Amino acid sequence: MNEIELPREAREAFNRAVWKITGRVPEGKVATYGQIGAFIPLPKGVSEEDYRSYRARWVGAAMGACPEGLPWQRVINSQGKISPRQGADLQRALLEAEGVRFDSRGKIDLVRFGWSGPDASWLEANGFLPPLSDLPLFSA
């Protein structure tokens, strides 16, 4: 399967939305790429099927370009792990400094450290979607 890119005209707005949500993840908690993508409405020019398939990757791309000061370290993959890439050791150190613990396989307990997302009123006020039933909700 070929990678589908987010249309250029939608990318900037999508990235800003990702960063706005990421800025809400509290210290000592983590969110997944897919979880964050699920709060963002379908971008213009993207089919629903493609969005479901690629939103987590597009969130990852947005995190790779995030502005300074954003708690980027709090976004991990759906397996509860840090994605292998440059900066992974720093991400782990930053999370551990916040009290997030990893098991012997490098996984984070998403029930204990997972963030359930912004409250519904904040999501609605900011033009985002409520959590989808196909994604796990983590502890508050």
N, C-alpha and C. Protein backbone atom coordinates (compact mmCIF):
# COMPACT_ATOMS: atom_id res chain seq x y z
N MET A 1 0.85 -1.18 0.00
CA MET A 1 0.00 0.00 0.00
C MET A 1 0.89 1.23 0.00
N ASN A 2 0.61 2.16 -0.89
CA ASN A 2 1.37 3.40 -0.96
C ASN A 2 0.90 4.37 0.10
N GLU A 3 1.84 5.12 0.65
CA GLU A 3 1.54 6.15 1.64
C GLU A 3 0.78 7.29 0.97
N ILE A 4 -0.30 7.70 1.56
CA ILE A 4 -1.06 8.84 1.07
C ILE A 4 -0.70 10.04 1.93
N GLU A 5 -0.36 11.13 1.30
CA GLU A 5 0.01 12.34 2.04
C GLU A 5 -1.21 13.21 2.28
N LEU A 6 -1.21 13.90 3.38
CA LEU A 6 -2.24 14.89 3.66
C LEU A 6 -2.09 16.00 2.64
N PRO A 7 -3.18 16.39 1.98
CA PRO A 7 -3.06 17.48 0.99
C PRO A 7 -2.41 18.72 1.60
N ARG A 8 -1.54 19.33 0.84
CA ARG A 8 -0.76 20.47 1.34
C ARG A 8 -1.65 21.57 1.91
N GLU A 9 -2.77 21.85 1.25
CA GLU A 9 -3.65 22.93 1.72
C GLU A 9 -4.32 22.61 3.06
N ALA A 10 -4.37 21.33 3.42
CA ALA A 10 -4.97 20.93 4.70
C ALA A 10 -3.93 20.70 5.79
N ARG A 11 -2.67 20.53 5.40
CA ARG A 11 -1.62 20.14 6.34
C ARG A 11 -1.40 21.16 7.46
N GLU A 12 -1.33 22.44 7.12
CA GLU A 12 -1.05 23.46 8.13
C GLU A 12 -2.15 23.50 9.20
N ALA A 13 -3.40 23.49 8.76
CA ALA A 13 -4.51 23.51 9.72
C ALA A 13 -4.53 22.23 10.56
N PHE A 14 -4.25 21.11 9.92
CA PHE A 14 -4.20 19.84 10.64
C PHE A 14 -3.10 19.88 11.70
N ASN A 15 -1.92 20.33 11.32
CA ASN A 15 -0.80 20.40 12.27
C ASN A 15 -1.14 21.30 13.45
N ARG A 16 -1.74 22.45 13.19
CA ARG A 16 -2.12 23.35 14.29
C ARG A 16 -3.12 22.68 15.23
N ALA A 17 -4.05 21.92 14.66
CA ALA A 17 -5.01 21.20 15.49
C ALA A 17 -4.31 20.16 16.36
N VAL A 18 -3.37 19.42 15.77
CA VAL A 18 -2.60 18.42 16.52
C VAL A 18 -1.89 19.09 17.68
N TRP A 19 -1.24 20.20 17.40
CA TRP A 19 -0.46 20.89 18.44
C TRP A 19 -1.36 21.45 19.54
N LYS A 20 -2.54 21.92 19.16
CA LYS A 20 -3.47 22.46 20.17
C LYS A 20 -3.91 21.36 21.13
N ILE A 21 -4.22 20.20 20.60
CA ILE A 21 -4.63 19.08 21.44
C ILE A 21 -3.45 18.58 22.27
N THR A 22 -2.30 18.43 21.64
CA THR A 22 -1.11 17.95 22.36
C THR A 22 -0.77 18.84 23.54
N GLY A 23 -0.96 20.12 23.37
CA GLY A 23 -0.69 21.06 24.46
C GLY A 23 -1.55 20.84 25.70
N ARG A 24 -2.62 20.09 25.55
CA ARG A 24 -3.53 19.80 26.66
C ARG A 24 -3.16 18.52 27.43
N VAL A 25 -2.28 17.70 26.88
CA VAL A 25 -1.90 16.45 27.55
C VAL A 25 -1.15 16.82 28.83
N PRO A 26 -1.68 16.43 29.99
CA PRO A 26 -1.04 16.83 31.25
C PRO A 26 0.25 16.07 31.54
N GLU A 27 1.07 16.68 32.35
CA GLU A 27 2.31 16.06 32.80
C GLU A 27 2.00 14.72 33.44
N GLY A 28 2.82 13.72 33.13
CA GLY A 28 2.64 12.40 33.71
C GLY A 28 1.63 11.54 32.98
N LYS A 29 1.09 12.03 31.87
CA LYS A 29 0.13 11.28 31.06
C LYS A 29 0.64 11.21 29.62
N VAL A 30 0.11 10.26 28.85
CA VAL A 30 0.45 10.12 27.44
C VAL A 30 -0.82 9.98 26.62
N ALA A 31 -0.71 10.34 25.35
CA ALA A 31 -1.77 10.13 24.37
C ALA A 31 -1.14 9.41 23.18
N THR A 32 -1.97 8.77 22.38
CA THR A 32 -1.45 8.10 21.19
C THR A 32 -1.68 8.97 19.96
N TYR A 33 -0.91 8.69 18.93
CA TYR A 33 -1.04 9.42 17.67
C TYR A 33 -2.47 9.28 17.13
N GLY A 34 -2.98 8.06 17.12
CA GLY A 34 -4.33 7.82 16.61
C GLY A 34 -5.40 8.48 17.44
N GLN A 35 -5.21 8.51 18.74
CA GLN A 35 -6.17 9.14 19.64
C GLN A 35 -6.28 10.63 19.31
N ILE A 36 -5.16 11.28 19.13
CA ILE A 36 -5.17 12.71 18.81
C ILE A 36 -5.82 12.94 17.45
N GLY A 37 -5.48 12.11 16.47
CA GLY A 37 -6.07 12.24 15.14
C GLY A 37 -7.58 12.07 15.14
N ALA A 38 -8.09 11.23 16.03
CA ALA A 38 -9.52 10.97 16.08
C ALA A 38 -10.32 12.18 16.57
N PHE A 39 -9.70 13.11 17.27
CA PHE A 39 -10.40 14.31 17.72
C PHE A 39 -10.53 15.36 16.61
N ILE A 40 -9.72 15.22 15.56
CA ILE A 40 -9.66 16.23 14.51
C ILE A 40 -10.64 15.88 13.40
N PRO A 41 -11.51 16.82 13.02
CA PRO A 41 -12.47 16.53 11.95
C PRO A 41 -11.76 16.19 10.64
N LEU A 42 -12.47 15.48 9.80
CA LEU A 42 -11.96 15.05 8.50
C LEU A 42 -11.45 16.25 7.71
N PRO A 43 -10.16 16.26 7.34
CA PRO A 43 -9.62 17.37 6.55
C PRO A 43 -10.23 17.41 5.14
N LYS A 44 -10.34 18.59 4.62
CA LYS A 44 -10.87 18.78 3.27
C LYS A 44 -9.99 18.04 2.26
N GLY A 45 -10.63 17.35 1.33
CA GLY A 45 -9.90 16.66 0.29
C GLY A 45 -9.42 15.27 0.67
N VAL A 46 -9.86 14.75 1.83
CA VAL A 46 -9.43 13.44 2.31
C VAL A 46 -10.66 12.57 2.51
N SER A 47 -10.62 11.34 2.02
CA SER A 47 -11.76 10.44 2.24
C SER A 47 -11.74 9.94 3.69
N GLU A 48 -12.90 9.54 4.16
CA GLU A 48 -12.99 9.03 5.53
C GLU A 48 -12.12 7.78 5.70
N GLU A 49 -12.11 6.92 4.69
CA GLU A 49 -11.30 5.70 4.76
C GLU A 49 -9.80 6.03 4.84
N ASP A 50 -9.36 6.96 3.99
CA ASP A 50 -7.94 7.35 4.04
C ASP A 50 -7.60 8.00 5.37
N TYR A 51 -8.52 8.80 5.89
CA TYR A 51 -8.25 9.47 7.16
C TYR A 51 -8.08 8.46 8.28
N ARG A 52 -8.96 7.49 8.34
CA ARG A 52 -8.84 6.45 9.37
C ARG A 52 -7.52 5.70 9.23
N SER A 53 -7.10 5.46 8.00
CA SER A 53 -5.87 4.70 7.75
C SER A 53 -4.60 5.49 8.06
N TYR A 54 -4.62 6.80 7.83
CA TYR A 54 -3.38 7.58 7.88
C TYR A 54 -3.31 8.65 8.96
N ARG A 55 -4.38 8.88 9.69
CA ARG A 55 -4.37 10.00 10.64
C ARG A 55 -3.27 9.87 11.69
N ALA A 56 -3.01 8.67 12.16
CA ALA A 56 -1.96 8.51 13.18
C ALA A 56 -0.59 8.89 12.60
N ARG A 57 -0.33 8.49 11.36
CA ARG A 57 0.94 8.85 10.73
C ARG A 57 1.04 10.36 10.51
N TRP A 58 -0.08 10.97 10.14
CA TRP A 58 -0.08 12.42 9.92
C TRP A 58 0.12 13.16 11.24
N VAL A 59 -0.42 12.62 12.33
CA VAL A 59 -0.16 13.22 13.64
C VAL A 59 1.33 13.10 13.95
N GLY A 60 1.92 11.95 13.66
CA GLY A 60 3.36 11.76 13.86
C GLY A 60 4.17 12.77 13.08
N ALA A 61 3.78 13.03 11.84
CA ALA A 61 4.48 14.03 11.02
C ALA A 61 4.34 15.42 11.63
N ALA A 62 3.16 15.73 12.14
CA ALA A 62 2.95 17.03 12.79
C ALA A 62 3.81 17.15 14.03
N MET A 63 3.94 16.06 14.78
CA MET A 63 4.76 16.10 15.99
C MET A 63 6.23 16.28 15.64
N GLY A 64 6.64 15.76 14.50
CA GLY A 64 8.01 15.93 14.06
C GLY A 64 8.35 17.37 13.69
N ALA A 65 7.31 18.16 13.47
CA ALA A 65 7.50 19.57 13.09
C ALA A 65 6.93 20.51 14.15
N CYS A 66 6.72 20.02 15.36
CA CYS A 66 6.04 20.82 16.37
C CYS A 66 6.89 21.99 16.87
N PRO A 67 6.20 23.05 17.29
CA PRO A 67 6.93 24.21 17.81
C PRO A 67 7.58 23.91 19.16
N GLU A 68 8.59 24.66 19.45
CA GLU A 68 9.29 24.52 20.72
C GLU A 68 8.32 24.80 21.87
N GLY A 69 8.51 24.09 22.95
CA GLY A 69 7.69 24.29 24.13
C GLY A 69 6.48 23.38 24.21
N LEU A 70 6.18 22.67 23.15
CA LEU A 70 5.05 21.74 23.14
C LEU A 70 5.50 20.44 23.81
N PRO A 71 4.64 19.81 24.62
CA PRO A 71 5.04 18.57 25.30
C PRO A 71 4.99 17.36 24.36
N TRP A 72 5.81 17.40 23.33
CA TRP A 72 5.86 16.37 22.28
C TRP A 72 6.11 14.98 22.84
N GLN A 73 6.83 14.92 23.94
CA GLN A 73 7.22 13.63 24.51
C GLN A 73 6.00 12.83 24.99
N ARG A 74 4.87 13.48 25.16
CA ARG A 74 3.68 12.82 25.70
C ARG A 74 2.85 12.11 24.65
N VAL A 75 3.31 12.08 23.41
CA VAL A 75 2.58 11.40 22.34
C VAL A 75 3.38 10.17 21.92
N ILE A 76 2.73 9.01 22.02
CA ILE A 76 3.39 7.73 21.78
C ILE A 76 2.54 6.88 20.81
N ASN A 77 3.04 5.71 20.47
CA ASN A 77 2.27 4.87 19.55
C ASN A 77 1.20 4.05 20.28
N SER A 78 0.34 3.42 19.51
CA SER A 78 -0.81 2.71 20.07
C SER A 78 -0.41 1.45 20.85
N GLN A 79 0.82 1.00 20.71
CA GLN A 79 1.30 -0.14 21.47
C GLN A 79 1.76 0.27 22.87
N GLY A 80 1.70 1.56 23.16
CA GLY A 80 2.17 2.05 24.45
C GLY A 80 3.67 2.21 24.48
N LYS A 81 4.27 2.35 23.30
CA LYS A 81 5.72 2.48 23.21
C LYS A 81 6.12 3.77 22.53
N ILE A 82 7.36 4.13 22.71
CA ILE A 82 7.95 5.24 21.98
C ILE A 82 8.37 4.69 20.63
N SER A 83 7.98 5.37 19.57
CA SER A 83 8.36 4.93 18.22
C SER A 83 9.86 5.07 18.04
N PRO A 84 10.50 4.05 17.47
CA PRO A 84 11.95 4.11 17.28
C PRO A 84 12.33 5.18 16.24
N ARG A 85 13.09 6.15 16.69
CA ARG A 85 13.55 7.25 15.83
C ARG A 85 14.56 8.06 16.62
N GLN A 86 15.18 9.01 15.93
CA GLN A 86 16.10 9.91 16.63
C GLN A 86 15.31 10.68 17.68
N GLY A 87 15.85 10.77 18.88
CA GLY A 87 15.17 11.47 19.96
C GLY A 87 14.38 10.57 20.89
N ALA A 88 14.32 9.27 20.58
CA ALA A 88 13.55 8.34 21.41
C ALA A 88 14.10 8.25 22.84
N ASP A 89 15.42 8.26 22.98
CA ASP A 89 16.01 8.19 24.33
C ASP A 89 15.66 9.42 25.14
N LEU A 90 15.67 10.59 24.51
CA LEU A 90 15.29 11.83 25.19
C LEU A 90 13.81 11.78 25.57
N GLN A 91 12.98 11.29 24.67
CA GLN A 91 11.55 11.19 24.96
C GLN A 91 11.32 10.33 26.20
N ARG A 92 11.98 9.20 26.25
CA ARG A 92 11.83 8.32 27.41
C ARG A 92 12.30 9.01 28.69
N ALA A 93 13.43 9.67 28.63
CA ALA A 93 13.96 10.36 29.81
C ALA A 93 13.00 11.45 30.29
N LEU A 94 12.42 12.20 29.35
CA LEU A 94 11.47 13.26 29.72
C LEU A 94 10.22 12.67 30.36
N LEU A 95 9.72 11.58 29.80
CA LEU A 95 8.54 10.93 30.38
C LEU A 95 8.84 10.36 31.76
N GLU A 96 9.98 9.73 31.90
CA GLU A 96 10.34 9.19 33.22
C GLU A 96 10.48 10.30 34.25
N ALA A 97 10.99 11.45 33.83
CA ALA A 97 11.12 12.59 34.75
C ALA A 97 9.75 13.09 35.19
N GLU A 98 8.72 12.83 34.39
CA GLU A 98 7.35 13.22 34.73
C GLU A 98 6.64 12.15 35.56
N GLY A 99 7.32 11.03 35.80
CA GLY A 99 6.74 9.95 36.59
C GLY A 99 6.13 8.82 35.78
N VAL A 100 6.22 8.88 34.46
CA VAL A 100 5.71 7.81 33.61
C VAL A 100 6.68 6.64 33.70
N ARG A 101 6.15 5.44 33.89
CA ARG A 101 6.99 4.26 34.05
C ARG A 101 6.86 3.33 32.85
N PHE A 102 7.95 2.68 32.52
CA PHE A 102 8.02 1.72 31.43
C PHE A 102 8.24 0.33 32.01
N ASP A 103 7.65 -0.68 31.37
CA ASP A 103 7.90 -2.05 31.83
C ASP A 103 9.18 -2.57 31.17
N SER A 104 9.50 -3.82 31.40
CA SER A 104 10.74 -4.40 30.90
C SER A 104 10.79 -4.48 29.37
N ARG A 105 9.63 -4.36 28.72
CA ARG A 105 9.57 -4.38 27.25
C ARG A 105 9.53 -2.98 26.65
N GLY A 106 9.67 -1.97 27.52
CA GLY A 106 9.64 -0.59 27.03
C GLY A 106 8.25 -0.06 26.81
N LYS A 107 7.25 -0.70 27.40
CA LYS A 107 5.86 -0.28 27.22
C LYS A 107 5.38 0.52 28.43
N ILE A 108 4.46 1.43 28.12
CA ILE A 108 3.79 2.24 29.15
C ILE A 108 2.42 1.64 29.38
N ASP A 109 2.00 1.53 30.61
CA ASP A 109 0.67 1.05 30.95
C ASP A 109 -0.32 2.17 30.60
N LEU A 110 -1.06 1.99 29.50
CA LEU A 110 -1.97 3.04 29.05
C LEU A 110 -3.18 3.21 29.96
N VAL A 111 -3.52 2.20 30.73
CA VAL A 111 -4.62 2.36 31.68
C VAL A 111 -4.17 3.30 32.80
N ARG A 112 -2.95 3.16 33.23
CA ARG A 112 -2.42 3.98 34.33
C ARG A 112 -1.98 5.36 33.87
N PHE A 113 -1.28 5.44 32.73
CA PHE A 113 -0.67 6.70 32.30
C PHE A 113 -1.35 7.33 31.07
N GLY A 114 -2.31 6.63 30.49
CA GLY A 114 -2.99 7.17 29.32
C GLY A 114 -3.94 8.30 29.69
N TRP A 115 -4.03 9.26 28.79
CA TRP A 115 -4.90 10.42 28.95
C TRP A 115 -6.18 10.18 28.17
N SER A 116 -7.31 10.48 28.75
CA SER A 116 -8.58 10.23 28.07
C SER A 116 -8.95 11.34 27.10
N GLY A 117 -8.18 12.38 27.06
CA GLY A 117 -8.43 13.48 26.13
C GLY A 117 -9.08 14.67 26.81
N PRO A 118 -9.20 15.76 26.05
CA PRO A 118 -9.84 16.95 26.60
C PRO A 118 -11.31 16.67 26.93
N ASP A 119 -11.88 17.47 27.83
CA ASP A 119 -13.29 17.27 28.13
C ASP A 119 -14.14 17.69 26.93
N ALA A 120 -15.35 17.14 26.88
CA ALA A 120 -16.24 17.33 25.73
C ALA A 120 -16.53 18.79 25.44
N SER A 121 -16.67 19.60 26.48
CA SER A 121 -16.98 21.02 26.25
C SER A 121 -15.81 21.74 25.58
N TRP A 122 -14.57 21.41 25.96
CA TRP A 122 -13.40 22.02 25.32
C TRP A 122 -13.32 21.58 23.86
N LEU A 123 -13.53 20.29 23.63
CA LEU A 123 -13.49 19.78 22.26
C LEU A 123 -14.51 20.51 21.38
N GLU A 124 -15.74 20.60 21.85
CA GLU A 124 -16.79 21.27 21.09
C GLU A 124 -16.47 22.74 20.86
N ALA A 125 -16.03 23.43 21.89
CA ALA A 125 -15.73 24.86 21.78
C ALA A 125 -14.59 25.14 20.81
N ASN A 126 -13.72 24.16 20.59
CA ASN A 126 -12.57 24.34 19.72
C ASN A 126 -12.72 23.65 18.36
N GLY A 127 -13.93 23.17 18.07
CA GLY A 127 -14.20 22.58 16.77
C GLY A 127 -13.68 21.17 16.57
N PHE A 128 -13.44 20.46 17.67
CA PHE A 128 -12.95 19.09 17.59
C PHE A 128 -14.09 18.10 17.82
N LEU A 129 -13.80 16.84 17.59
CA LEU A 129 -14.79 15.77 17.70
C LEU A 129 -14.70 15.09 19.06
N PRO A 130 -15.83 14.54 19.53
CA PRO A 130 -15.76 13.74 20.77
C PRO A 130 -15.00 12.45 20.48
N PRO A 131 -14.54 11.76 21.53
CA PRO A 131 -13.81 10.51 21.32
C PRO A 131 -14.65 9.51 20.54
N LEU A 132 -13.99 8.75 19.67
CA LEU A 132 -14.67 7.72 18.88
C LEU A 132 -14.70 6.42 19.65
N SER A 133 -15.73 5.64 19.41
CA SER A 133 -15.87 4.39 20.11
C SER A 133 -14.85 3.34 19.68
N ASP A 134 -14.18 3.56 18.52
CA ASP A 134 -13.20 2.56 18.06
C ASP A 134 -11.82 2.76 18.66
N LEU A 135 -11.67 3.76 19.52
CA LEU A 135 -10.38 3.99 20.18
C LEU A 135 -10.55 3.83 21.67
N PRO A 136 -9.54 3.30 22.34
CA PRO A 136 -9.65 3.13 23.79
C PRO A 136 -9.61 4.48 24.49
N LEU A 137 -10.37 4.56 25.58
CA LEU A 137 -10.29 5.72 26.45
C LEU A 137 -9.41 5.33 27.64
N PHE A 138 -8.52 6.21 27.96
CA PHE A 138 -7.60 5.93 29.05
C PHE A 138 -8.05 6.64 30.31
N SER A 139 -7.33 6.46 31.37
CA SER A 139 -7.69 7.09 32.63
C SER A 139 -7.60 8.61 32.50
N ALA A 140 -8.34 9.29 33.33
CA ALA A 140 -8.37 10.77 33.29
C ALA A 140 -7.10 11.38 33.81
